[in-house]
C-alpha atoms as a PDB file:
ATOM      1  CA  MET A   1     -25.279  11.767  29.402  1.00  0.00           C
ATOM      2  CA  GLU A   2     -24.816  14.934  27.492  1.00  0.00           C
ATOM      3  CA  ALA A   3     -24.202  14.270  23.762  1.00  0.00           C
ATOM      4  CA  ILE A   4     -22.165  17.416  22.261  1.00  0.00           C
ATOM      5  CA  LYS A   5     -21.369  18.175  18.679  1.00  0.00           C
ATOM      6  CA  PRO A   6     -19.141  20.933  18.471  1.00  0.00           C
ATOM      7  CA  LYS A   7     -18.809  23.248  15.455  1.00  0.00           C
ATOM      8  CA  ASN A   8     -15.129  23.337  15.301  1.00  0.00           C
ATOM      9  CA  LEU A   9     -11.750  22.163  17.057  1.00  0.00           C
ATOM     10  CA  GLU A  10     -11.554  25.031  19.166  1.00  0.00           C
ATOM     11  CA  GLU A  11     -15.167  24.144  20.805  1.00  0.00           C
ATOM     12  CA  VAL A  12     -13.841  20.348  21.037  1.00  0.00           C
ATOM     13  CA  LEU A  13     -11.174  21.639  23.274  1.00  0.00           C
ATOM     14  CA  GLU A  14     -13.324  23.867  25.097  1.00  0.00           C
ATOM     15  CA  TYR A  15     -15.325  21.090  26.027  1.00  0.00           C
ATOM     16  CA  LYS A  16     -12.765  18.812  26.989  1.00  0.00           C
ATOM     17  CA  SER A  17     -11.111  21.415  29.294  1.00  0.00           C
ATOM     18  CA  LYS A  18     -14.624  21.544  30.955  1.00  0.00           C
ATOM     19  CA  TYR A  19     -15.229  18.299  31.407  1.00  0.00           C
ATOM     20  CA  LYS A  20     -11.623  16.891  31.813  1.00  0.00           C
ATOM     21  CA  GLY A  21     -11.650  12.891  31.914  1.00  0.00           C
ATOM     22  CA  ASP A  22     -15.258  12.956  32.167  1.00  0.00           C
ATOM     23  CA  ALA A  23     -15.897  13.538  28.264  1.00  0.00           C
ATOM     24  CA  LYS A  24     -15.117  10.845  25.882  1.00  0.00           C
ATOM     25  CA  ILE A  25     -14.318  11.714  22.314  1.00  0.00           C
ATOM     26  CA  ILE A  26     -16.620   9.798  19.453  1.00  0.00           C
ATOM     27  CA  ALA A  27     -16.060   9.546  15.856  1.00  0.00           C
ATOM     28  CA  GLY A  28     -17.028   5.738  14.668  1.00  0.00           C
ATOM     29  CA  GLY A  29     -17.931   4.823  18.147  1.00  0.00           C
ATOM     30  CA  THR A  30     -17.274   1.180  16.928  1.00  0.00           C
ATOM     31  CA  ASP A  31     -15.610   0.362  20.489  1.00  0.00           C
ATOM     32  CA  LEU A  32     -16.838   3.140  22.526  1.00  0.00           C
ATOM     33  CA  ILE A  33     -20.471   2.222  22.092  1.00  0.00           C
ATOM     34  CA  ILE A  34     -20.154  -1.320  23.084  1.00  0.00           C
ATOM     35  CA  LYS A  35     -18.077  -0.476  25.982  1.00  0.00           C
ATOM     36  CA  ILE A  36     -20.916   2.175  27.216  1.00  0.00           C
ATOM     37  CA  ARG A  37     -23.429  -0.844  26.505  1.00  0.00           C
ATOM     38  CA  LYS A  38     -21.380  -3.004  28.978  1.00  0.00           C
ATOM     39  CA  GLY A  39     -20.988  -0.480  31.593  1.00  0.00           C
ATOM     40  CA  GLU A  40     -17.102  -0.457  31.097  1.00  0.00           C
ATOM     41  CA  GLU A  41     -17.558   3.385  30.339  1.00  0.00           C
ATOM     42  CA  ASN A  42     -19.937   5.939  31.532  1.00  0.00           C
ATOM     43  CA  PRO A  43     -18.928   9.528  30.699  1.00  0.00           C
ATOM     44  CA  LYS A  44     -20.890  12.621  31.581  1.00  0.00           C
ATOM     45  CA  ALA A  45     -20.310  13.835  28.088  1.00  0.00           C
ATOM     46  CA  LEU A  46     -19.876  12.579  24.120  1.00  0.00           C
ATOM     47  CA  ILE A  47     -18.280  15.119  22.286  1.00  0.00           C
ATOM     48  CA  ASP A  48     -18.956  13.875  18.373  1.00  0.00           C
ATOM     49  CA  ILE A  49     -16.197  15.082  16.127  1.00  0.00           C
ATOM     50  CA  SER A  50     -17.200  12.796  13.047  1.00  0.00           C
ATOM     51  CA  SER A  51     -18.207  15.999  10.763  1.00  0.00           C
ATOM     52  CA  LEU A  52     -15.102  18.228  11.851  1.00  0.00           C
ATOM     53  CA  ASN A  53     -13.260  18.684   8.587  1.00  0.00           C
ATOM     54  CA  GLU A  54     -10.430  19.930  10.268  1.00  0.00           C
ATOM     55  CA  LEU A  55      -9.861  16.382  12.053  1.00  0.00           C
ATOM     56  CA  LYS A  56     -10.379  14.486   8.870  1.00  0.00           C
ATOM     57  CA  GLY A  57      -8.869  13.395   5.795  1.00  0.00           C
ATOM     58  CA  ILE A  58      -5.079  12.768   4.327  1.00  0.00           C
ATOM     59  CA  ARG A  59      -2.911  15.477   3.278  1.00  0.00           C
ATOM     60  CA  GLU A  60       0.655  15.458   1.556  1.00  0.00           C
ATOM     61  CA  THR A  61       3.035  18.472   2.774  1.00  0.00           C
ATOM     62  CA  LEU A  62       6.596  18.944   1.490  1.00  0.00           C
ATOM     63  CA  GLU A  63       7.905  16.460   3.719  1.00  0.00           C
ATOM     64  CA  TYR A  64       4.859  14.747   5.477  1.00  0.00           C
ATOM     65  CA  ILE A  65       1.681  12.824   4.741  1.00  0.00           C
ATOM     66  CA  GLU A  66      -0.706  13.740   7.531  1.00  0.00           C
ATOM     67  CA  ILE A  67      -3.975  11.917   8.741  1.00  0.00           C
ATOM     68  CA  GLY A  68      -6.724  13.183  10.603  1.00  0.00           C
ATOM     69  CA  PRO A  69      -7.723  11.336  13.375  1.00  0.00           C
ATOM     70  CA  ALA A  70     -11.372  11.210  12.460  1.00  0.00           C
ATOM     71  CA  THR A  71     -10.363   9.391   9.291  1.00  0.00           C
ATOM     72  CA  THR A  72     -11.951   6.194   8.367  1.00  0.00           C
ATOM     73  CA  PHE A  73     -10.418   2.912   7.688  1.00  0.00           C
ATOM     74  CA  THR A  74     -12.231   3.258   4.162  1.00  0.00           C
ATOM     75  CA  GLU A  75     -10.880   6.392   3.544  1.00  0.00           C
ATOM     76  CA  ILE A  76      -7.479   5.185   4.161  1.00  0.00           C
ATOM     77  CA  CYS A  77      -8.130   2.343   1.914  1.00  0.00           C
ATOM     78  CA  GLU A  78      -9.343   4.479  -1.037  1.00  0.00           C
ATOM     79  CA  CYS A  79      -6.577   7.254  -0.730  1.00  0.00           C
ATOM     80  CA  ILE A  80      -4.301   7.599  -3.710  1.00  0.00           C
ATOM     81  CA  LEU A  81      -1.532   9.358  -1.802  1.00  0.00           C
ATOM     82  CA  LEU A  82      -1.137   5.827   0.087  1.00  0.00           C
ATOM     83  CA  ASN A  83      -0.450   3.923  -3.099  1.00  0.00           C
ATOM     84  CA  LYS A  84       2.527   2.365  -4.201  1.00  0.00           C
ATOM     85  CA  ASN A  85       5.319   2.348  -0.912  1.00  0.00           C
ATOM     86  CA  LEU A  86       2.607   2.606   1.554  1.00  0.00           C
ATOM     87  CA  LYS A  87       0.661  -0.238   0.554  1.00  0.00           C
ATOM     88  CA  GLY A  88       1.071  -1.599   4.119  1.00  0.00           C
ATOM     89  CA  LEU A  89      -0.847   0.866   5.644  1.00  0.00           C
ATOM     90  CA  LYS A  90      -3.654   0.184   3.069  1.00  0.00           C
ATOM     91  CA  ASP A  91      -3.455  -3.386   3.875  1.00  0.00           C
ATOM     92  CA  ALA A  92      -3.996  -2.939   7.476  1.00  0.00           C
ATOM     93  CA  ALA A  93      -7.126  -0.722   7.105  1.00  0.00           C
ATOM     94  CA  ARG A  94      -8.336  -3.024   4.964  1.00  0.00           C
ATOM     95  CA  SER A  95      -8.115  -5.957   7.633  1.00  0.00           C
ATOM     96  CA  VAL A  96     -10.019  -3.936   9.904  1.00  0.00           C
ATOM     97  CA  GLY A  97     -13.346  -5.893  10.907  1.00  0.00           C
ATOM     98  CA  SER A  98     -16.170  -5.738   8.088  1.00  0.00           C
ATOM     99  CA  PRO A  99     -17.249  -3.222   5.809  1.00  0.00           C
ATOM    100  CA  GLN A 100     -19.450  -1.505   7.817  1.00  0.00           C
ATOM    101  CA  ILE A 101     -16.849  -1.109  10.818  1.00  0.00           C
ATOM    102  CA  ARG A 102     -14.471   0.343   8.300  1.00  0.00           C
ATOM    103  CA  ASN A 103     -17.010   2.673   7.124  1.00  0.00           C
ATOM    104  CA  ARG A 104     -17.395   4.116  10.465  1.00  0.00           C
ATOM    105  CA  GLY A 105     -13.964   2.916  12.674  1.00  0.00           C
ATOM    106  CA  THR A 106     -11.241   5.444  12.608  1.00  0.00           C
ATOM    107  CA  VAL A 107      -7.423   5.806  12.855  1.00  0.00           C
ATOM    108  CA  GLY A 108      -7.449   7.948  15.908  1.00  0.00           C
ATOM    109  CA  GLY A 109      -9.883   5.631  17.907  1.00  0.00           C
ATOM    110  CA  ASN A 110      -7.528   2.617  16.536  1.00  0.00           C
ATOM    111  CA  ILE A 111      -4.697   4.648  18.255  1.00  0.00           C
ATOM    112  CA  CYS A 112      -6.378   6.166  21.162  1.00  0.00           C
ATOM    113  CA  ASN A 113      -8.032   2.884  22.769  1.00  0.00           C
ATOM    114  CA  ALA A 114      -4.380   1.318  22.993  1.00  0.00           C
ATOM    115  CA  SER A 115      -5.591  -1.968  22.078  1.00  0.00           C
ATOM    116  CA  PRO A 116      -2.591  -4.596  21.731  1.00  0.00           C
ATOM    117  CA  ALA A 117      -4.537  -5.804  18.444  1.00  0.00           C
ATOM    118  CA  ALA A 118      -5.216  -2.461  16.706  1.00  0.00           C
ATOM    119  CA  ASP A 119      -4.543  -3.184  13.099  1.00  0.00           C
ATOM    120  CA  THR A 120      -3.335  -0.060  11.750  1.00  0.00           C
ATOM    121  CA  VAL A 121      -0.864   1.045  14.696  1.00  0.00           C
ATOM    122  CA  PRO A 122       2.144  -1.478  13.837  1.00  0.00           C
ATOM    123  CA  PRO A 123       2.311   0.108   9.978  1.00  0.00           C
ATOM    124  CA  LEU A 124       2.076   3.648  11.562  1.00  0.00           C
ATOM    125  CA  LEU A 125       4.760   2.625  14.243  1.00  0.00           C
ATOM    126  CA  ALA A 126       7.026   1.316  11.354  1.00  0.00           C
ATOM    127  CA  LEU A 127       6.650   4.483   9.738  1.00  0.00           C
ATOM    128  CA  ASP A 128       7.973   6.245  12.896  1.00  0.00           C
ATOM    129  CA  SER A 129       4.666   8.339  13.185  1.00  0.00           C
ATOM    130  CA  ILE A 130       4.275  11.594  15.317  1.00  0.00           C
ATOM    131  CA  LEU A 131       1.230  12.457  17.119  1.00  0.00           C
ATOM    132  CA  VAL A 132      -0.188  15.920  17.562  1.00  0.00           C
ATOM    133  CA  ILE A 133      -1.907  16.361  20.545  1.00  0.00           C
ATOM    134  CA  GLU A 134      -3.818  19.327  21.724  1.00  0.00           C
ATOM    135  CA  GLY A 135      -5.431  20.671  24.704  1.00  0.00           C
ATOM    136  CA  LYS A 136      -7.003  24.067  25.383  1.00  0.00           C
ATOM    137  CA  GLY A 137      -3.940  26.644  24.857  1.00  0.00           C
ATOM    138  CA  LYS A 138      -1.459  23.844  24.528  1.00  0.00           C
ATOM    139  CA  LYS A 139      -0.163  21.541  21.845  1.00  0.00           C
ATOM    140  CA  ARG A 140       2.569  18.849  21.785  1.00  0.00           C
ATOM    141  CA  GLU A 141       4.019  16.200  19.749  1.00  0.00           C
ATOM    142  CA  ILE A 142       4.861  12.623  20.897  1.00  0.00           C
ATOM    143  CA  TYR A 143       6.552   9.890  18.848  1.00  0.00           C
ATOM    144  CA  LEU A 144       3.772   7.105  18.474  1.00  0.00           C
ATOM    145  CA  LYS A 145       6.264   4.625  19.794  1.00  0.00           C
ATOM    146  CA  ASP A 146       6.309   6.748  23.118  1.00  0.00           C
ATOM    147  CA  PHE A 147       2.319   6.976  23.595  1.00  0.00           C
ATOM    148  CA  PHE A 148       1.389   3.680  24.705  1.00  0.00           C
ATOM    149  CA  LYS A 149       1.932   3.220  28.574  1.00  0.00           C
ATOM    150  CA  ASP A 150      -0.198  -0.188  29.285  1.00  0.00           C
ATOM    151  CA  LYS A 151      -2.820  -2.196  27.713  1.00  0.00           C
ATOM    152  CA  GLY A 152      -5.755   0.221  26.966  1.00  0.00           C
ATOM    153  CA  ARG A 153      -3.591   3.066  28.194  1.00  0.00           C
ATOM    154  CA  GLY A 154      -2.107   5.988  26.096  1.00  0.00           C
ATOM    155  CA  GLU A 155      -0.206   9.304  26.776  1.00  0.00           C
ATOM    156  CA  LEU A 156      -3.544  11.657  26.547  1.00  0.00           C
ATOM    157  CA  GLU A 157      -4.442  13.839  29.451  1.00  0.00           C
ATOM    158  CA  GLY A 158      -8.117  14.425  30.484  1.00  0.00           C
ATOM    159  CA  ASP A 159      -8.376  17.755  28.445  1.00  0.00           C
ATOM    160  CA  GLU A 160      -6.369  16.536  25.329  1.00  0.00           C
ATOM    161  CA  ILE A 161      -7.026  15.058  22.157  1.00  0.00           C
ATOM    162  CA  LEU A 162      -5.299  13.573  19.363  1.00  0.00           C
ATOM    163  CA  THR A 163      -5.622  16.000  16.333  1.00  0.00           C
ATOM    164  CA  LYS A 164      -3.029  14.713  13.762  1.00  0.00           C
ATOM    165  CA  ILE A 165      -0.936  11.634  12.575  1.00  0.00           C
ATOM    166  CA  LYS A 166       1.895  12.446  10.361  1.00  0.00           C
ATOM    167  CA  PHE A 167       5.155  10.625   9.156  1.00  0.00           C
ATOM    168  CA  LYS A 168       7.706  11.160   6.354  1.00  0.00           C
ATOM    169  CA  ASN A 169       6.578  10.501   2.942  1.00  0.00           C
ATOM    170  CA  PRO A 170       8.615   7.281   1.741  1.00  0.00           C
ATOM    171  CA  LEU A 171      11.103   7.422  -0.738  1.00  0.00           C
ATOM    172  CA  LYS A 172      11.530   5.409  -4.021  1.00  0.00           C
ATOM    173  CA  ASN A 173      13.800   2.682  -2.510  1.00  0.00           C
ATOM    174  CA  GLN A 174      11.570   2.484   0.911  1.00  0.00           C
ATOM    175  CA  GLY A 175       8.395   0.490   1.303  1.00  0.00           C
ATOM    176  CA  LEU A 176       6.174  -0.647   4.276  1.00  0.00           C
ATOM    177  CA  GLY A 177       4.690  -4.179   4.372  1.00  0.00           C
ATOM    178  CA  PHE A 178       1.961  -5.698   6.497  1.00  0.00           C
ATOM    179  CA  TYR A 179       0.854  -9.011   7.407  1.00  0.00           C
ATOM    180  CA  LYS A 180      -1.879 -10.220   9.607  1.00  0.00           C
ATOM    181  CA  LEU A 181      -2.733 -13.624  11.281  1.00  0.00           C
ATOM    182  CA  GLY A 182      -6.424 -13.678  12.654  1.00  0.00           C
ATOM    183  CA  LEU A 183      -8.686 -16.569  13.479  1.00  0.00           C
ATOM    184  CA  ARG A 184     -10.505 -16.483  10.009  1.00  0.00           C
ATOM    185  CA  LYS A 185     -10.599 -14.381   7.003  1.00  0.00           C
ATOM    186  CA  ALA A 186     -13.027 -11.935   7.858  1.00  0.00           C
ATOM    187  CA  LEU A 187     -14.129  -9.920  11.279  1.00  0.00           C
ATOM    188  CA  ALA A 188     -11.095 -11.358  12.801  1.00  0.00           C
ATOM    189  CA  ILE A 189      -8.957  -9.668  15.846  1.00  0.00           C
ATOM    190  CA  SER A 190      -5.502 -10.192  14.919  1.00  0.00           C
ATOM    191  CA  ARG A 191      -3.866 -12.916  16.668  1.00  0.00           C
ATOM    192  CA  LEU A 192      -0.762 -11.309  15.751  1.00  0.00           C
ATOM    193  CA  SER A 193       0.644  -8.787  12.783  1.00  0.00           C
ATOM    194  CA  PHE A 194       3.633  -7.222  11.816  1.00  0.00           C
ATOM    195  CA  ALA A 195       4.600  -4.264   9.900  1.00  0.00           C
ATOM    196  CA  VAL A 196       8.024  -3.649   8.202  1.00  0.00           C
ATOM    197  CA  PHE A 197       9.462  -0.744   6.594  1.00  0.00           C
ATOM    198  CA  LEU A 198      12.546  -1.065   4.716  1.00  0.00           C
ATOM    199  CA  GLU A 199      15.166   1.342   2.880  1.00  0.00           C
ATOM    200  CA  ILE A 200      17.541  -1.011   0.573  1.00  0.00           C
ATOM    201  CA  ASP A 201      20.491   0.117  -1.358  1.00  0.00           C
ATOM    202  CA  GLU A 202      21.462  -1.246  -4.827  1.00  0.00           C
ATOM    203  CA  MET A 203      23.296  -4.130  -3.335  1.00  0.00           C
ATOM    204  CA  ASN A 204      20.237  -5.000  -1.092  1.00  0.00           C
ATOM    205  CA  ARG A 205      21.742  -3.722   1.892  1.00  0.00           C
ATOM    206  CA  ILE A 206      19.370  -2.694   4.429  1.00  0.00           C
ATOM    207  CA  GLU A 207      19.854   0.882   5.121  1.00  0.00           C
ATOM    208  CA  ILE A 208      16.736   1.258   7.345  1.00  0.00           C
ATOM    209  CA  VAL A 209      14.572  -1.223   9.014  1.00  0.00           C
ATOM    210  CA  ARG A 210      11.780  -0.406  11.332  1.00  0.00           C
ATOM    211  CA  ILE A 211       9.783  -3.535  12.752  1.00  0.00           C
ATOM    212  CA  ALA A 212       6.353  -3.207  14.481  1.00  0.00           C
ATOM    213  CA  SER A 213       4.351  -5.869  15.860  1.00  0.00           C
ATOM    214  CA  GLY A 214       0.403  -6.146  17.158  1.00  0.00           C
ATOM    215  CA  ALA A 215      -1.038  -8.490  19.664  1.00  0.00           C
ATOM    216  CA  ILE A 216       2.226 -10.011  21.098  1.00  0.00           C
ATOM    217  CA  GLY A 217       2.343  -7.589  24.163  1.00  0.00           C
ATOM    218  CA  LYS A 218       0.502  -5.073  26.435  1.00  0.00           C
ATOM    219  CA  PHE A 219       0.045  -2.892  23.310  1.00  0.00           C
ATOM    220  CA  PRO A 220       1.767  -2.827  19.753  1.00  0.00           C
ATOM    221  CA  MET A 221       5.511  -2.146  19.894  1.00  0.00           C
ATOM    222  CA  ARG A 222       8.733  -1.798  18.124  1.00  0.00           C
ATOM    223  CA  GLU A 223      10.865  -5.011  17.649  1.00  0.00           C
ATOM    224  CA  LEU A 224      14.100  -3.024  18.345  1.00  0.00           C
ATOM    225  CA  GLU A 225      16.435  -6.385  18.849  1.00  0.00           C
ATOM    226  CA  VAL A 226      15.384  -7.777  15.242  1.00  0.00           C
ATOM    227  CA  GLU A 227      16.030  -4.036  13.857  1.00  0.00           C
ATOM    228  CA  GLU A 228      19.555  -3.775  15.133  1.00  0.00           C
ATOM    229  CA  TYR A 229      20.440  -7.069  13.741  1.00  0.00           C
ATOM    230  CA  LEU A 230      19.323  -6.505  10.241  1.00  0.00           C
ATOM    231  CA  THR A 231      20.312  -3.133   9.879  1.00  0.00           C
ATOM    232  CA  GLY A 232      23.372  -2.944   7.420  1.00  0.00           C
ATOM    233  CA  ARG A 233      23.237  -6.692   6.310  1.00  0.00           C
ATOM    234  CA  ILE A 234      22.782  -8.016   3.042  1.00  0.00           C
ATOM    235  CA  ILE A 235      19.014  -9.368   2.594  1.00  0.00           C
ATOM    236  CA  ASN A 236      18.943 -12.992   1.752  1.00  0.00           C
ATOM    237  CA  GLU A 237      17.373 -16.090   2.747  1.00  0.00           C
ATOM    238  CA  ASN A 238      20.126 -16.528   5.556  1.00  0.00           C
ATOM    239  CA  THR A 239      19.619 -13.088   6.885  1.00  0.00           C
ATOM    240  CA  ILE A 240      15.903 -13.593   7.163  1.00  0.00           C
ATOM    241  CA  GLU A 241      16.123 -16.982   8.636  1.00  0.00           C
ATOM    242  CA  GLU A 242      18.423 -15.608  11.341  1.00  0.00           C
ATOM    243  CA  ALA A 243      16.251 -12.773  12.108  1.00  0.00           C
ATOM    244  CA  GLU A 244      13.213 -15.097  12.266  1.00  0.00           C
ATOM    245  CA  THR A 245      14.975 -16.782  15.149  1.00  0.00           C
ATOM    246  CA  LEU A 246      16.015 -13.882  16.969  1.00  0.00           C
ATOM    247  CA  LEU A 247      12.308 -12.580  16.953  1.00  0.00           C
ATOM    248  CA  GLU A 248      11.090 -16.073  17.875  1.00  0.00           C
ATOM    249  CA  ARG A 249      13.246 -15.999  20.921  1.00  0.00           C
ATOM    250  CA  VAL A 250      12.527 -12.523  21.766  1.00  0.00           C
ATOM    251  CA  ILE A 251       8.822 -13.371  21.726  1.00  0.00           C
ATOM    252  CA  PHE A 252       8.850 -16.139  23.691  1.00  0.00           C
ATOM    253  CA  GLU A 253      10.796 -14.499  26.470  1.00  0.00           C
ATOM    254  CA  ARG A 254       7.939 -11.760  26.543  1.00  0.00           C
ATOM    255  CA  LEU A 255       5.326 -14.319  26.798  1.00  0.00           C
ATOM    256  CA  LYS A 256       6.965 -16.609  29.073  1.00  0.00           C
ATOM    257  CA  GLY A 257       4.474 -18.102  31.332  1.00  0.00           C
ATOM    258  CA  ARG A 258       1.138 -17.329  28.746  1.00  0.00           C
ATOM    259  CA  GLN A 259      -0.307 -20.331  27.290  1.00  0.00           C
ATOM    260  CA  THR A 260       0.006 -18.722  23.910  1.00  0.00           C
ATOM    261  CA  ALA A 261       4.031 -18.356  24.160  1.00  0.00           C
ATOM    262  CA  LYS A 262       4.958 -21.420  22.058  1.00  0.00           C
ATOM    263  CA  PHE A 263       2.418 -20.775  19.565  1.00  0.00           C
ATOM    264  CA  LYS A 264       2.573 -17.107  18.834  1.00  0.00           C
ATOM    265  CA  SER A 265       6.713 -17.215  19.051  1.00  0.00           C
ATOM    266  CA  ILE A 266       6.646 -19.627  16.191  1.00  0.00           C
ATOM    267  CA  ALA A 267       3.690 -18.304  14.342  1.00  0.00           C
ATOM    268  CA  ALA A 268       5.200 -14.847  14.532  1.00  0.00           C
ATOM    269  CA  LYS A 269       8.251 -15.897  12.257  1.00  0.00           C
ATOM    270  CA  GLY A 270       5.935 -16.679   9.183  1.00  0.00           C
ATOM    271  CA  VAL A 271       3.854 -13.426   9.402  1.00  0.00           C
ATOM    272  CA  PHE A 272       7.102 -11.287  10.062  1.00  0.00           C
ATOM    273  CA  LYS A 273       8.711 -12.804   7.052  1.00  0.00           C
ATOM    274  CA  LYS A 274       5.397 -12.244   4.934  1.00  0.00           C
ATOM    275  CA  ALA A 275       5.560  -8.638   5.885  1.00  0.00           C
ATOM    276  CA  LEU A 276       9.163  -8.216   5.345  1.00  0.00           C
ATOM    277  CA  LEU A 277       8.831  -9.786   1.791  1.00  0.00           C
ATOM    278  CA  ASN A 278       5.846  -7.228   0.921  1.00  0.00           C
ATOM    279  CA  ALA A 279       8.209  -4.402   2.254  1.00  0.00           C
ATOM    280  CA  LEU A 280      10.857  -5.661   0.003  1.00  0.00           C
ATOM    281  CA  TYR A 281       8.640  -6.359  -3.153  1.00  0.00           C
ATOM    282  CA  LEU A 282       7.700  -2.406  -2.700  1.00  0.00           C
ATOM    283  CA  CYS A 283      11.449  -1.279  -2.476  1.00  0.00           C
ATOM    284  CA  LYS A 284      13.062  -3.610  -5.074  1.00  0.00           C
ATOM    285  CA  GLY A 285      10.631  -6.009  -6.267  1.00  0.00           C
ATOM    286  CA  VAL A 286      10.326  -9.767  -5.314  1.00  0.00           C
ATOM    287  CA  ASN A 287      11.742 -11.212  -8.602  1.00  0.00           C
ATOM    288  CA  ASP A 288      14.765  -9.027  -8.287  1.00  0.00           C
ATOM    289  CA  PHE A 289      15.448 -10.300  -4.612  1.00  0.00           C
ATOM    290  CA  GLU A 290      14.875 -14.119  -5.822  1.00  0.00           C
ATOM    291  CA  LYS A 291      17.386 -13.623  -8.297  1.00  0.00           C
ATOM    292  CA  ASN A 292      20.331 -12.674  -5.697  1.00  0.00           C
END
């Protein structure tokens, strides 16, 4: 196995073009190294992008926030650009593994591994994120919601890499909430998680809602039926209860035949509600909600 440390993105794309699917990108390596040791992966080359600044960091443009795929979970946790309305993304990054894993693991790896339980993917889905994907002499964009094809498989050709994740900077009346249920408080892979993006008007009417779930399907996904129900409704306890009931039914149908179907469909209601209220707090404040 050849270890390659390119000097820039151009060299990365050259090597990917040369090796096609026989080369693996490594940044944190928290998942890939384990797979190699287990014999699940045996690439001819490892292309190390961990020191490439053009693939790291979090930047704000006029309309978007852009995240490099080699950005670590710790860097997301500490980024001041993600304060206030984007607290859900920081909460998700903070819930990943241990401090050591957060210091090494990257958001790009979390996406490209296409794991059903990837913690930072539901918030990025709820933000309607766009992925920038590049190969030698080509560049394209794809919505994150369209990236996943199956468990462990995303929309990447053998000569392509993820070079950027971007989403629109939230407005003052928008907020992103996240909540995760794990087996224990630390080092826990998600049993299930939810992220909710909300935009609410002065009457607590839902203008925009995007709901994403993790660990209750082949890959993280949007909960479109619940989104459709909530859009345009005044948010109150009755609305939330109706949304929870609908979500329970949708998830039970999705997981029908699995031993975890009943547990996950019921547990999802509480996790979803906490993510929703976290988003609502960022939009309006929980106290304002409780008074109505």
